[in-house]
Every structure is written in structure tokens, then in C-alpha cells.
């Protein structure tokens, strides 16, 4: 999920609320692993 347009001084406020809700950094700002994309697999798909 991309969220664009946050001002510099808003970032700590946003991060704090996300952390309090159980989220953590996704490291999309660095040269590192992004998320791991997946289909629904055997949980929901008859072909999985």
C-alpha cells in the first residue's frame, strides 16, 4: 500500500500511530527486501 504526500514533520507522527497499531517499517526506502507477493495457494484455490 503506497501512501504519498506526507510532509517531513508528519512522518514521526504517522510512524508512531502505525507502530502503536502493530505495524512495522517495510524498508521500501532502502535497497532491501520489499514485500513478498503471493497468491492464495491451497488455502483458497482449487489448483493450489
ModelCIF file with pLDDT and N, C-alpha, C, O atoms, coordinates in Angstrom:
data_MODEL
#
_entry.id   MODEL 
#
_entity.id                         1 
_entity.type                       polymer 
_entity.pdbx_number_of_molecules   1 
#
_entity_poly.entity_id                      1 
_entity_poly.type                           'polypeptide(L)' 
_entity_poly.nstd_linkage                   no 
_entity_poly.nstd_monomer                   no 
_entity_poly.pdbx_seq_one_letter_code       
;(UNK)(UNK)(UNK)(UNK)(UNK)(UNK)(UNK)(UNK)(UNK)(UNK)(UNK)(UNK)(UNK)(UNK)(UNK)(UNK)
(UNK)(UNK)(UNK)(UNK)(UNK)(UNK)(UNK)(UNK)(UNK)(UNK)(UNK)(UNK)(UNK)(UNK)(UNK)(UNK)
(UNK)(UNK)(UNK)(UNK)(UNK)(UNK)(UNK)(UNK)(UNK)(UNK)(UNK)(UNK)(UNK)(UNK)(UNK)(UNK)
;
_entity_poly.pdbx_seq_one_letter_code_can   XXXXXXXXXXXXXXXXXXXXXXXXXXXXXXXXXXXXXXXXXXXXXXXX 
_entity_poly.pdbx_strand_id                 A 
#
loop_
_entity_poly_seq.entity_id 
_entity_poly_seq.num 
_entity_poly_seq.mon_id 
_entity_poly_seq.hetero 
1 1  UNK n 
1 2  UNK n 
1 3  UNK n 
1 4  UNK n 
1 5  UNK n 
1 6  UNK n 
1 7  UNK n 
1 8  UNK n 
1 9  UNK n 
1 10 UNK n 
1 11 UNK n 
1 12 UNK n 
1 13 UNK n 
1 14 UNK n 
1 15 UNK n 
1 16 UNK n 
1 17 UNK n 
1 18 UNK n 
1 19 UNK n 
1 20 UNK n 
1 21 UNK n 
1 22 UNK n 
1 23 UNK n 
1 24 UNK n 
1 25 UNK n 
1 26 UNK n 
1 27 UNK n 
1 28 UNK n 
1 29 UNK n 
1 30 UNK n 
1 31 UNK n 
1 32 UNK n 
1 33 UNK n 
1 34 UNK n 
1 35 UNK n 
1 36 UNK n 
1 37 UNK n 
1 38 UNK n 
1 39 UNK n 
1 40 UNK n 
1 41 UNK n 
1 42 UNK n 
1 43 UNK n 
1 44 UNK n 
1 45 UNK n 
1 46 UNK n 
1 47 UNK n 
1 48 UNK n 
#
_struct_asym.id          A 
_struct_asym.entity_id   1 
#
loop_
_ma_qa_metric.id 
_ma_qa_metric.mode 
_ma_qa_metric.name 
_ma_qa_metric.software_group_id 
_ma_qa_metric.type 
1 global pLDDT . pLDDT 
2 local  pLDDT . pLDDT 
#
_ma_qa_metric_global.metric_id      1 
_ma_qa_metric_global.metric_value   94.19 
_ma_qa_metric_global.model_id       1 
_ma_qa_metric_global.ordinal_id     1 
#
loop_
_ma_qa_metric_local.label_asym_id 
_ma_qa_metric_local.label_comp_id 
_ma_qa_metric_local.label_seq_id 
_ma_qa_metric_local.metric_id 
_ma_qa_metric_local.metric_value 
_ma_qa_metric_local.model_id 
_ma_qa_metric_local.ordinal_id 
A UNK 1  2 91.00 1 1  
A UNK 2  2 92.00 1 2  
A UNK 3  2 93.00 1 3  
A UNK 4  2 94.00 1 4  
A UNK 5  2 94.00 1 5  
A UNK 6  2 94.00 1 6  
A UNK 7  2 92.00 1 7  
A UNK 8  2 93.00 1 8  
A UNK 9  2 93.00 1 9  
A UNK 10 2 94.00 1 10 
A UNK 11 2 95.00 1 11 
A UNK 12 2 96.00 1 12 
A UNK 13 2 96.00 1 13 
A UNK 14 2 96.00 1 14 
A UNK 15 2 96.00 1 15 
A UNK 16 2 97.00 1 16 
A UNK 17 2 96.00 1 17 
A UNK 18 2 96.00 1 18 
A UNK 19 2 96.00 1 19 
A UNK 20 2 97.00 1 20 
A UNK 21 2 96.00 1 21 
A UNK 22 2 95.00 1 22 
A UNK 23 2 93.00 1 23 
A UNK 24 2 92.00 1 24 
A UNK 25 2 91.00 1 25 
A UNK 26 2 88.00 1 26 
A UNK 27 2 89.00 1 27 
A UNK 28 2 86.00 1 28 
A UNK 29 2 87.00 1 29 
A UNK 30 2 91.00 1 30 
A UNK 31 2 95.00 1 31 
A UNK 32 2 96.00 1 32 
A UNK 33 2 95.00 1 33 
A UNK 34 2 90.00 1 34 
A UNK 35 2 89.00 1 35 
A UNK 36 2 96.00 1 36 
A UNK 37 2 97.00 1 37 
A UNK 38 2 97.00 1 38 
A UNK 39 2 97.00 1 39 
A UNK 40 2 97.00 1 40 
A UNK 41 2 97.00 1 41 
A UNK 42 2 97.00 1 42 
A UNK 43 2 95.00 1 43 
A UNK 44 2 96.00 1 44 
A UNK 45 2 97.00 1 45 
A UNK 46 2 97.00 1 46 
A UNK 47 2 97.00 1 47 
A UNK 48 2 97.00 1 48 
#
loop_
_atom_site.group_PDB 
_atom_site.id 
_atom_site.type_symbol 
_atom_site.label_atom_id 
_atom_site.label_alt_id 
_atom_site.label_comp_id 
_atom_site.label_asym_id 
_atom_site.label_entity_id 
_atom_site.label_seq_id 
_atom_site.pdbx_PDB_ins_code 
_atom_site.Cartn_x 
_atom_site.Cartn_y 
_atom_site.Cartn_z 
_atom_site.occupancy 
_atom_site.B_iso_or_equiv 
_atom_site.pdbx_formal_charge 
_atom_site.auth_seq_id 
_atom_site.auth_comp_id 
_atom_site.auth_asym_id 
_atom_site.auth_atom_id 
_atom_site.pdbx_PDB_model_num 
ATOM 1   N N  . UNK A 1 1  ? 0.863  -1.183  0.000  1.00 91.00 ? 1  UNK A N  1 
ATOM 2   C CA . UNK A 1 1  ? 0.000  0.000   0.000  1.00 91.00 ? 1  UNK A CA 1 
ATOM 3   C C  . UNK A 1 1  ? 0.895  1.227   0.000  1.00 91.00 ? 1  UNK A C  1 
ATOM 4   O O  . UNK A 1 1  ? 1.658  1.448   0.940  1.00 91.00 ? 1  UNK A O  1 
ATOM 5   N N  . UNK A 1 2  ? 0.800  2.019   -1.051 1.00 92.00 ? 2  UNK A N  1 
ATOM 6   C CA . UNK A 1 2  ? 1.566  3.262   -1.156 1.00 92.00 ? 2  UNK A CA 1 
ATOM 7   C C  . UNK A 1 2  ? 0.774  4.416   -0.548 1.00 92.00 ? 2  UNK A C  1 
ATOM 8   O O  . UNK A 1 2  ? -0.414 4.573   -0.829 1.00 92.00 ? 2  UNK A O  1 
ATOM 9   N N  . UNK A 1 3  ? 1.426  5.217   0.281  1.00 93.00 ? 3  UNK A N  1 
ATOM 10  C CA . UNK A 1 3  ? 0.836  6.425   0.845  1.00 93.00 ? 3  UNK A CA 1 
ATOM 11  C C  . UNK A 1 3  ? 1.754  7.588   0.493  1.00 93.00 ? 3  UNK A C  1 
ATOM 12  O O  . UNK A 1 3  ? 2.875  7.666   0.996  1.00 93.00 ? 3  UNK A O  1 
ATOM 13  N N  . UNK A 1 4  ? 1.290  8.491   -0.365 1.00 94.00 ? 4  UNK A N  1 
ATOM 14  C CA . UNK A 1 4  ? 2.105  9.613   -0.829 1.00 94.00 ? 4  UNK A CA 1 
ATOM 15  C C  . UNK A 1 4  ? 1.597  10.937  -0.242 1.00 94.00 ? 4  UNK A C  1 
ATOM 16  O O  . UNK A 1 4  ? 0.412  11.095  0.051  1.00 94.00 ? 4  UNK A O  1 
ATOM 17  N N  . UNK A 1 5  ? 2.517  11.863  -0.085 1.00 94.00 ? 5  UNK A N  1 
ATOM 18  C CA . UNK A 1 5  ? 2.137  13.227  0.253  1.00 94.00 ? 5  UNK A CA 1 
ATOM 19  C C  . UNK A 1 5  ? 2.355  13.617  1.692  1.00 94.00 ? 5  UNK A C  1 
ATOM 20  O O  . UNK A 1 5  ? 2.023  14.740  2.073  1.00 94.00 ? 5  UNK A O  1 
ATOM 21  N N  . UNK A 1 6  ? 2.908  12.728  2.517  1.00 94.00 ? 6  UNK A N  1 
ATOM 22  C CA . UNK A 1 6  ? 3.178  13.092  3.910  1.00 94.00 ? 6  UNK A CA 1 
ATOM 23  C C  . UNK A 1 6  ? 4.309  14.114  3.968  1.00 94.00 ? 6  UNK A C  1 
ATOM 24  O O  . UNK A 1 6  ? 5.323  13.964  3.285  1.00 94.00 ? 6  UNK A O  1 
ATOM 25  N N  . UNK A 1 7  ? 4.137  15.132  4.767  1.00 92.00 ? 7  UNK A N  1 
ATOM 26  C CA . UNK A 1 7  ? 5.172  16.134  4.951  1.00 92.00 ? 7  UNK A CA 1 
ATOM 27  C C  . UNK A 1 7  ? 6.238  15.579  5.891  1.00 92.00 ? 7  UNK A C  1 
ATOM 28  O O  . UNK A 1 7  ? 5.972  14.673  6.681  1.00 92.00 ? 7  UNK A O  1 
ATOM 29  N N  . UNK A 1 8  ? 7.436  16.127  5.800  1.00 93.00 ? 8  UNK A N  1 
ATOM 30  C CA . UNK A 1 8  ? 8.570  15.625  6.573  1.00 93.00 ? 8  UNK A CA 1 
ATOM 31  C C  . UNK A 1 8  ? 8.255  15.561  8.056  1.00 93.00 ? 8  UNK A C  1 
ATOM 32  O O  . UNK A 1 8  ? 8.545  14.562  8.715  1.00 93.00 ? 8  UNK A O  1 
ATOM 33  N N  . UNK A 1 9  ? 7.662  16.624  8.584  1.00 93.00 ? 9  UNK A N  1 
ATOM 34  C CA . UNK A 1 9  ? 7.405  16.674  10.025 1.00 93.00 ? 9  UNK A CA 1 
ATOM 35  C C  . UNK A 1 9  ? 6.255  15.758  10.446 1.00 93.00 ? 9  UNK A C  1 
ATOM 36  O O  . UNK A 1 9  ? 6.066  15.507  11.636 1.00 93.00 ? 9  UNK A O  1 
ATOM 37  N N  . UNK A 1 10 ? 5.481  15.255  9.466  1.00 94.00 ? 10 UNK A N  1 
ATOM 38  C CA . UNK A 1 10 ? 4.385  14.347  9.791  1.00 94.00 ? 10 UNK A CA 1 
ATOM 39  C C  . UNK A 1 10 ? 4.837  12.899  9.927  1.00 94.00 ? 10 UNK A C  1 
ATOM 40  O O  . UNK A 1 10 ? 4.142  12.089  10.540 1.00 94.00 ? 10 UNK A O  1 
ATOM 41  N N  . UNK A 1 11 ? 5.995  12.566  9.361  1.00 95.00 ? 11 UNK A N  1 
ATOM 42  C CA . UNK A 1 11 ? 6.421  11.169  9.334  1.00 95.00 ? 11 UNK A CA 1 
ATOM 43  C C  . UNK A 1 11 ? 6.535  10.532  10.719 1.00 95.00 ? 11 UNK A C  1 
ATOM 44  O O  . UNK A 1 11 ? 6.028  9.426   10.908 1.00 95.00 ? 11 UNK A O  1 
ATOM 45  N N  . UNK A 1 12 ? 7.181  11.181  11.702 1.00 96.00 ? 12 UNK A N  1 
ATOM 46  C CA . UNK A 1 12 ? 7.231  10.555  13.034 1.00 96.00 ? 12 UNK A CA 1 
ATOM 47  C C  . UNK A 1 12 ? 5.845  10.333  13.633 1.00 96.00 ? 12 UNK A C  1 
ATOM 48  O O  . UNK A 1 12 ? 5.626  9.326   14.306 1.00 96.00 ? 12 UNK A O  1 
ATOM 49  N N  . UNK A 1 13 ? 4.911  11.244  13.406 1.00 96.00 ? 13 UNK A N  1 
ATOM 50  C CA . UNK A 1 13 ? 3.548  11.086  13.921 1.00 96.00 ? 13 UNK A CA 1 
ATOM 51  C C  . UNK A 1 13 ? 2.857  9.889   13.272 1.00 96.00 ? 13 UNK A C  1 
ATOM 52  O O  . UNK A 1 13 ? 2.180  9.105   13.938 1.00 96.00 ? 13 UNK A O  1 
ATOM 53  N N  . UNK A 1 14 ? 3.043  9.766   11.964 1.00 96.00 ? 14 UNK A N  1 
ATOM 54  C CA . UNK A 1 14 ? 2.442  8.649   11.231 1.00 96.00 ? 14 UNK A CA 1 
ATOM 55  C C  . UNK A 1 14 ? 3.061  7.327   11.672 1.00 96.00 ? 14 UNK A C  1 
ATOM 56  O O  . UNK A 1 14 ? 2.350  6.356   11.935 1.00 96.00 ? 14 UNK A O  1 
ATOM 57  N N  . UNK A 1 15 ? 4.393  7.297   11.751 1.00 96.00 ? 15 UNK A N  1 
ATOM 58  C CA . UNK A 1 15 ? 5.070  6.068   12.178 1.00 96.00 ? 15 UNK A CA 1 
ATOM 59  C C  . UNK A 1 15 ? 4.618  5.640   13.565 1.00 96.00 ? 15 UNK A C  1 
ATOM 60  O O  . UNK A 1 15 ? 4.382  4.456   13.806 1.00 96.00 ? 15 UNK A O  1 
ATOM 61  N N  . UNK A 1 16 ? 4.498  6.598   14.478 1.00 97.00 ? 16 UNK A N  1 
ATOM 62  C CA . UNK A 1 16 ? 4.118  6.257   15.839 1.00 97.00 ? 16 UNK A CA 1 
ATOM 63  C C  . UNK A 1 16 ? 2.739  5.626   15.886 1.00 97.00 ? 16 UNK A C  1 
ATOM 64  O O  . UNK A 1 16 ? 2.523  4.645   16.598 1.00 97.00 ? 16 UNK A O  1 
ATOM 65  N N  . UNK A 1 17 ? 1.806  6.186   15.129 1.00 96.00 ? 17 UNK A N  1 
ATOM 66  C CA . UNK A 1 17 ? 0.457  5.625   15.112 1.00 96.00 ? 17 UNK A CA 1 
ATOM 67  C C  . UNK A 1 17 ? 0.441  4.229   14.492 1.00 96.00 ? 17 UNK A C  1 
ATOM 68  O O  . UNK A 1 17 ? -0.266 3.340   14.967 1.00 96.00 ? 17 UNK A O  1 
ATOM 69  N N  . UNK A 1 18 ? 1.224  4.044   13.431 1.00 96.00 ? 18 UNK A N  1 
ATOM 70  C CA . UNK A 1 18 ? 1.280  2.731   12.794 1.00 96.00 ? 18 UNK A CA 1 
ATOM 71  C C  . UNK A 1 18 ? 1.916  1.698   13.718 1.00 96.00 ? 18 UNK A C  1 
ATOM 72  O O  . UNK A 1 18 ? 1.433  0.570   13.810 1.00 96.00 ? 18 UNK A O  1 
ATOM 73  N N  . UNK A 1 19 ? 2.990  2.071   14.399 1.00 96.00 ? 19 UNK A N  1 
ATOM 74  C CA . UNK A 1 19 ? 3.648  1.155   15.336 1.00 96.00 ? 19 UNK A CA 1 
ATOM 75  C C  . UNK A 1 19 ? 2.704  0.791   16.475 1.00 96.00 ? 19 UNK A C  1 
ATOM 76  O O  . UNK A 1 19 ? 2.616  -0.371  16.871 1.00 96.00 ? 19 UNK A O  1 
ATOM 77  N N  . UNK A 1 20 ? 2.000  1.793   17.000 1.00 97.00 ? 20 UNK A N  1 
ATOM 78  C CA . UNK A 1 20 ? 1.042  1.527   18.080 1.00 97.00 ? 20 UNK A CA 1 
ATOM 79  C C  . UNK A 1 20 ? -0.057 0.578   17.630 1.00 97.00 ? 20 UNK A C  1 
ATOM 80  O O  . UNK A 1 20 ? -0.635 -0.141  18.445 1.00 97.00 ? 20 UNK A O  1 
ATOM 81  N N  . UNK A 1 21 ? -0.348 0.575   16.317 1.00 96.00 ? 21 UNK A N  1 
ATOM 82  C CA . UNK A 1 21 ? -1.392 -0.307  15.770 1.00 96.00 ? 21 UNK A CA 1 
ATOM 83  C C  . UNK A 1 21 ? -0.848 -1.686  15.394 1.00 96.00 ? 21 UNK A C  1 
ATOM 84  O O  . UNK A 1 21 ? -1.603 -2.551  14.950 1.00 96.00 ? 21 UNK A O  1 
ATOM 85  N N  . UNK A 1 22 ? 0.472  -1.893  15.573 1.00 95.00 ? 22 UNK A N  1 
ATOM 86  C CA . UNK A 1 22 ? 1.049  -3.207  15.303 1.00 95.00 ? 22 UNK A CA 1 
ATOM 87  C C  . UNK A 1 22 ? 1.820  -3.331  14.005 1.00 95.00 ? 22 UNK A C  1 
ATOM 88  O O  . UNK A 1 22 ? 2.280  -4.421  13.663 1.00 95.00 ? 22 UNK A O  1 
ATOM 89  N N  . UNK A 1 23 ? 1.973  -2.222  13.264 1.00 93.00 ? 23 UNK A N  1 
ATOM 90  C CA . UNK A 1 23 ? 2.747  -2.258  12.028 1.00 93.00 ? 23 UNK A CA 1 
ATOM 91  C C  . UNK A 1 23 ? 4.235  -2.073  12.320 1.00 93.00 ? 23 UNK A C  1 
ATOM 92  O O  . UNK A 1 23 ? 4.619  -1.669  13.417 1.00 93.00 ? 23 UNK A O  1 
ATOM 93  N N  . UNK A 1 24 ? 5.070  -2.375  11.316 1.00 92.00 ? 24 UNK A N  1 
ATOM 94  C CA . UNK A 1 24 ? 6.491  -2.065  11.404 1.00 92.00 ? 24 UNK A CA 1 
ATOM 95  C C  . UNK A 1 24 ? 6.980  -1.610  10.036 1.00 92.00 ? 24 UNK A C  1 
ATOM 96  O O  . UNK A 1 24 ? 6.289  -1.789  9.033  1.00 92.00 ? 24 UNK A O  1 
ATOM 97  N N  . UNK A 1 25 ? 8.171  -1.021  9.997  1.00 91.00 ? 25 UNK A N  1 
ATOM 98  C CA . UNK A 1 25 ? 8.693  -0.490  8.749  1.00 91.00 ? 25 UNK A CA 1 
ATOM 99  C C  . UNK A 1 25 ? 8.782  -1.565  7.674  1.00 91.00 ? 25 UNK A C  1 
ATOM 100 O O  . UNK A 1 25 ? 9.120  -2.717  7.948  1.00 91.00 ? 25 UNK A O  1 
ATOM 101 N N  . UNK A 1 26 ? 8.470  -1.162  6.443  1.00 88.00 ? 26 UNK A N  1 
ATOM 102 C CA . UNK A 1 26 ? 8.574  -2.085  5.319  1.00 88.00 ? 26 UNK A CA 1 
ATOM 103 C C  . UNK A 1 26 ? 9.862  -1.944  4.530  1.00 88.00 ? 26 UNK A C  1 
ATOM 104 O O  . UNK A 1 26 ? 10.067 -2.656  3.547  1.00 88.00 ? 26 UNK A O  1 
ATOM 105 N N  . UNK A 1 27 ? 10.747 -1.020  4.954  1.00 89.00 ? 27 UNK A N  1 
ATOM 106 C CA . UNK A 1 27 ? 12.076 -0.832  4.355  1.00 89.00 ? 27 UNK A CA 1 
ATOM 107 C C  . UNK A 1 27 ? 12.027 -0.480  2.875  1.00 89.00 ? 27 UNK A C  1 
ATOM 108 O O  . UNK A 1 27 ? 13.001 -0.706  2.157  1.00 89.00 ? 27 UNK A O  1 
ATOM 109 N N  . UNK A 1 28 ? 10.912 0.069   2.406  1.00 86.00 ? 28 UNK A N  1 
ATOM 110 C CA . UNK A 1 28 ? 10.809 0.427   0.993  1.00 86.00 ? 28 UNK A CA 1 
ATOM 111 C C  . UNK A 1 28 ? 11.697 1.614   0.639  1.00 86.00 ? 28 UNK A C  1 
ATOM 112 O O  . UNK A 1 28 ? 11.907 1.894   -0.541 1.00 86.00 ? 28 UNK A O  1 
ATOM 113 N N  . UNK A 1 29 ? 12.216 2.309   1.634  1.00 87.00 ? 29 UNK A N  1 
ATOM 114 C CA . UNK A 1 29 ? 13.105 3.453   1.410  1.00 87.00 ? 29 UNK A CA 1 
ATOM 115 C C  . UNK A 1 29 ? 14.546 3.009   1.208  1.00 87.00 ? 29 UNK A C  1 
ATOM 116 O O  . UNK A 1 29 ? 15.395 3.835   0.874  1.00 87.00 ? 29 UNK A O  1 
ATOM 117 N N  . UNK A 1 30 ? 14.846 1.735   1.401  1.00 91.00 ? 30 UNK A N  1 
ATOM 118 C CA . UNK A 1 30 ? 16.221 1.260   1.298  1.00 91.00 ? 30 UNK A CA 1 
ATOM 119 C C  . UNK A 1 30 ? 16.385 0.228   0.200  1.00 91.00 ? 30 UNK A C  1 
ATOM 120 O O  . UNK A 1 30 ? 15.406 -0.255  -0.369 1.00 91.00 ? 30 UNK A O  1 
ATOM 121 N N  . UNK A 1 31 ? 17.634 -0.104  -0.091 1.00 95.00 ? 31 UNK A N  1 
ATOM 122 C CA . UNK A 1 31 ? 17.924 -1.201  -1.009 1.00 95.00 ? 31 UNK A CA 1 
ATOM 123 C C  . UNK A 1 31 ? 17.836 -2.490  -0.199 1.00 95.00 ? 31 UNK A C  1 
ATOM 124 O O  . UNK A 1 31 ? 18.819 -2.955  0.378  1.00 95.00 ? 31 UNK A O  1 
ATOM 125 N N  . UNK A 1 32 ? 16.652 -3.041  -0.174 1.00 96.00 ? 32 UNK A N  1 
ATOM 126 C CA . UNK A 1 32 ? 16.390 -4.179  0.695  1.00 96.00 ? 32 UNK A CA 1 
ATOM 127 C C  . UNK A 1 32 ? 15.150 -4.910  0.198  1.00 96.00 ? 32 UNK A C  1 
ATOM 128 O O  . UNK A 1 32 ? 14.585 -4.574  -0.843 1.00 96.00 ? 32 UNK A O  1 
ATOM 129 N N  . UNK A 1 33 ? 14.740 -5.915  0.962  1.00 95.00 ? 33 UNK A N  1 
ATOM 130 C CA . UNK A 1 33 ? 13.564 -6.691  0.580  1.00 95.00 ? 33 UNK A CA 1 
ATOM 131 C C  . UNK A 1 33 ? 12.297 -5.853  0.709  1.00 95.00 ? 33 UNK A C  1 
ATOM 132 O O  . UNK A 1 33 ? 12.056 -5.224  1.740  1.00 95.00 ? 33 UNK A O  1 
ATOM 133 N N  . UNK A 1 34 ? 11.495 -5.853  -0.345 1.00 90.00 ? 34 UNK A N  1 
ATOM 134 C CA . UNK A 1 34 ? 10.152 -5.294  -0.251 1.00 90.00 ? 34 UNK A CA 1 
ATOM 135 C C  . UNK A 1 34 ? 9.239  -6.421  0.250  1.00 90.00 ? 34 UNK A C  1 
ATOM 136 O O  . UNK A 1 34 ? 9.724  -7.399  0.818  1.00 90.00 ? 34 UNK A O  1 
ATOM 137 N N  . UNK A 1 35 ? 7.962  -6.297  0.051  1.00 89.00 ? 35 UNK A N  1 
ATOM 138 C CA . UNK A 1 35 ? 7.081  -7.375  0.487  1.00 89.00 ? 35 UNK A CA 1 
ATOM 139 C C  . UNK A 1 35 ? 7.235  -8.608  -0.415 1.00 89.00 ? 35 UNK A C  1 
ATOM 140 O O  . UNK A 1 35 ? 7.798  -8.528  -1.507 1.00 89.00 ? 35 UNK A O  1 
ATOM 141 N N  . UNK A 1 36 ? 6.732  -9.728  0.060  1.00 96.00 ? 36 UNK A N  1 
ATOM 142 C CA . UNK A 1 36 ? 6.747  -10.962 -0.713 1.00 96.00 ? 36 UNK A CA 1 
ATOM 143 C C  . UNK A 1 36 ? 5.336  -11.187 -1.262 1.00 96.00 ? 36 UNK A C  1 
ATOM 144 O O  . UNK A 1 36 ? 4.398  -11.446 -0.509 1.00 96.00 ? 36 UNK A O  1 
ATOM 145 N N  . UNK A 1 37 ? 5.205  -11.085 -2.567 1.00 97.00 ? 37 UNK A N  1 
ATOM 146 C CA . UNK A 1 37 ? 3.898  -11.232 -3.210 1.00 97.00 ? 37 UNK A CA 1 
ATOM 147 C C  . UNK A 1 37 ? 3.463  -12.695 -3.188 1.00 97.00 ? 37 UNK A C  1 
ATOM 148 O O  . UNK A 1 37 ? 4.292  -13.601 -3.270 1.00 97.00 ? 37 UNK A O  1 
ATOM 149 N N  . UNK A 1 38 ? 2.154  -12.914 -3.078 1.00 97.00 ? 38 UNK A N  1 
ATOM 150 C CA . UNK A 1 38 ? 1.668  -14.289 -3.028 1.00 97.00 ? 38 UNK A CA 1 
ATOM 151 C C  . UNK A 1 38 ? 0.274  -14.400 -3.613 1.00 97.00 ? 38 UNK A C  1 
ATOM 152 O O  . UNK A 1 38 ? -0.514 -13.455 -3.561 1.00 97.00 ? 38 UNK A O  1 
ATOM 153 N N  . UNK A 1 39 ? -0.019 -15.556 -4.168 1.00 97.00 ? 39 UNK A N  1 
ATOM 154 C CA . UNK A 1 39 ? -1.398 -15.904 -4.495 1.00 97.00 ? 39 UNK A CA 1 
ATOM 155 C C  . UNK A 1 39 ? -2.031 -16.510 -3.238 1.00 97.00 ? 39 UNK A C  1 
ATOM 156 O O  . UNK A 1 39 ? -1.387 -16.545 -2.189 1.00 97.00 ? 39 UNK A O  1 
ATOM 157 N N  . UNK A 1 40 ? -3.273 -16.987 -3.323 1.00 97.00 ? 40 UNK A N  1 
ATOM 158 C CA . UNK A 1 40 ? -3.916 -17.551 -2.135 1.00 97.00 ? 40 UNK A CA 1 
ATOM 159 C C  . UNK A 1 40 ? -3.568 -19.020 -1.914 1.00 97.00 ? 40 UNK A C  1 
ATOM 160 O O  . UNK A 1 40 ? -3.858 -19.578 -0.855 1.00 97.00 ? 40 UNK A O  1 
ATOM 161 N N  . UNK A 1 41 ? -2.948 -19.643 -2.911 1.00 97.00 ? 41 UNK A N  1 
ATOM 162 C CA . UNK A 1 41 ? -2.456 -21.006 -2.737 1.00 97.00 ? 41 UNK A CA 1 
ATOM 163 C C  . UNK A 1 41 ? -3.525 -22.013 -2.346 1.00 97.00 ? 41 UNK A C  1 
ATOM 164 O O  . UNK A 1 41 ? -4.702 -21.851 -2.670 1.00 97.00 ? 41 UNK A O  1 
ATOM 165 N N  . UNK A 1 42 ? -3.098 -23.054 -1.644 1.00 97.00 ? 42 UNK A N  1 
ATOM 166 C CA . UNK A 1 42 ? -4.006 -24.142 -1.285 1.00 97.00 ? 42 UNK A CA 1 
ATOM 167 C C  . UNK A 1 42 ? -5.033 -23.723 -0.247 1.00 97.00 ? 42 UNK A C  1 
ATOM 168 O O  . UNK A 1 42 ? -5.993 -24.454 -0.002 1.00 97.00 ? 42 UNK A O  1 
ATOM 169 N N  . UNK A 1 43 ? -4.847 -22.554 0.370  1.00 95.00 ? 43 UNK A N  1 
ATOM 170 C CA . UNK A 1 43 ? -5.831 -22.094 1.355  1.00 95.00 ? 43 UNK A CA 1 
ATOM 171 C C  . UNK A 1 43 ? -7.194 -21.859 0.723  1.00 95.00 ? 43 UNK A C  1 
ATOM 172 O O  . UNK A 1 43 ? -8.223 -22.166 1.325  1.00 95.00 ? 43 UNK A O  1 
ATOM 173 N N  . UNK A 1 44 ? -7.204 -21.305 -0.511 1.00 96.00 ? 44 UNK A N  1 
ATOM 174 C CA . UNK A 1 44 ? -8.465 -20.917 -1.124 1.00 96.00 ? 44 UNK A CA 1 
ATOM 175 C C  . UNK A 1 44 ? -8.610 -21.350 -2.582 1.00 96.00 ? 44 UNK A C  1 
ATOM 176 O O  . UNK A 1 44 ? -9.719 -21.344 -3.117 1.00 96.00 ? 44 UNK A O  1 
ATOM 177 N N  . UNK A 1 45 ? -7.521 -21.721 -3.223 1.00 97.00 ? 45 UNK A N  1 
ATOM 178 C CA . UNK A 1 45 ? -7.598 -22.024 -4.659 1.00 97.00 ? 45 UNK A CA 1 
ATOM 179 C C  . UNK A 1 45 ? -7.627 -23.534 -4.892 1.00 97.00 ? 45 UNK A C  1 
ATOM 180 O O  . UNK A 1 45 ? -6.852 -24.273 -4.285 1.00 97.00 ? 45 UNK A O  1 
ATOM 181 N N  . UNK A 1 46 ? -8.515 -23.987 -5.765 1.00 97.00 ? 46 UNK A N  1 
ATOM 182 C CA . UNK A 1 46 ? -8.628 -25.421 -6.040 1.00 97.00 ? 46 UNK A CA 1 
ATOM 183 C C  . UNK A 1 46 ? -7.407 -25.966 -6.761 1.00 97.00 ? 46 UNK A C  1 
ATOM 184 O O  . UNK A 1 46 ? -7.179 -27.176 -6.754 1.00 97.00 ? 46 UNK A O  1 
ATOM 185 N N  . UNK A 1 47 ? -6.614 -25.093 -7.386 1.00 97.00 ? 47 UNK A N  1 
ATOM 186 C CA . UNK A 1 47 ? -5.413 -25.542 -8.088 1.00 97.00 ? 47 UNK A CA 1 
ATOM 187 C C  . UNK A 1 47 ? -4.175 -25.546 -7.195 1.00 97.00 ? 47 UNK A C  1 
ATOM 188 O O  . UNK A 1 47 ? -3.160 -26.150 -7.545 1.00 97.00 ? 47 UNK A O  1 
ATOM 189 N N  . UNK A 1 48 ? -4.250 -24.884 -6.055 1.00 97.00 ? 48 UNK A N  1 
ATOM 190 C CA . UNK A 1 48 ? -3.080 -24.770 -5.192 1.00 97.00 ? 48 UNK A CA 1 
ATOM 191 C C  . UNK A 1 48 ? -2.637 -26.107 -4.627 1.00 97.00 ? 48 UNK A C  1 
ATOM 192 O O  . UNK A 1 48 ? -1.661 -26.168 -3.879 1.00 97.00 ? 48 UNK A O  1 
#
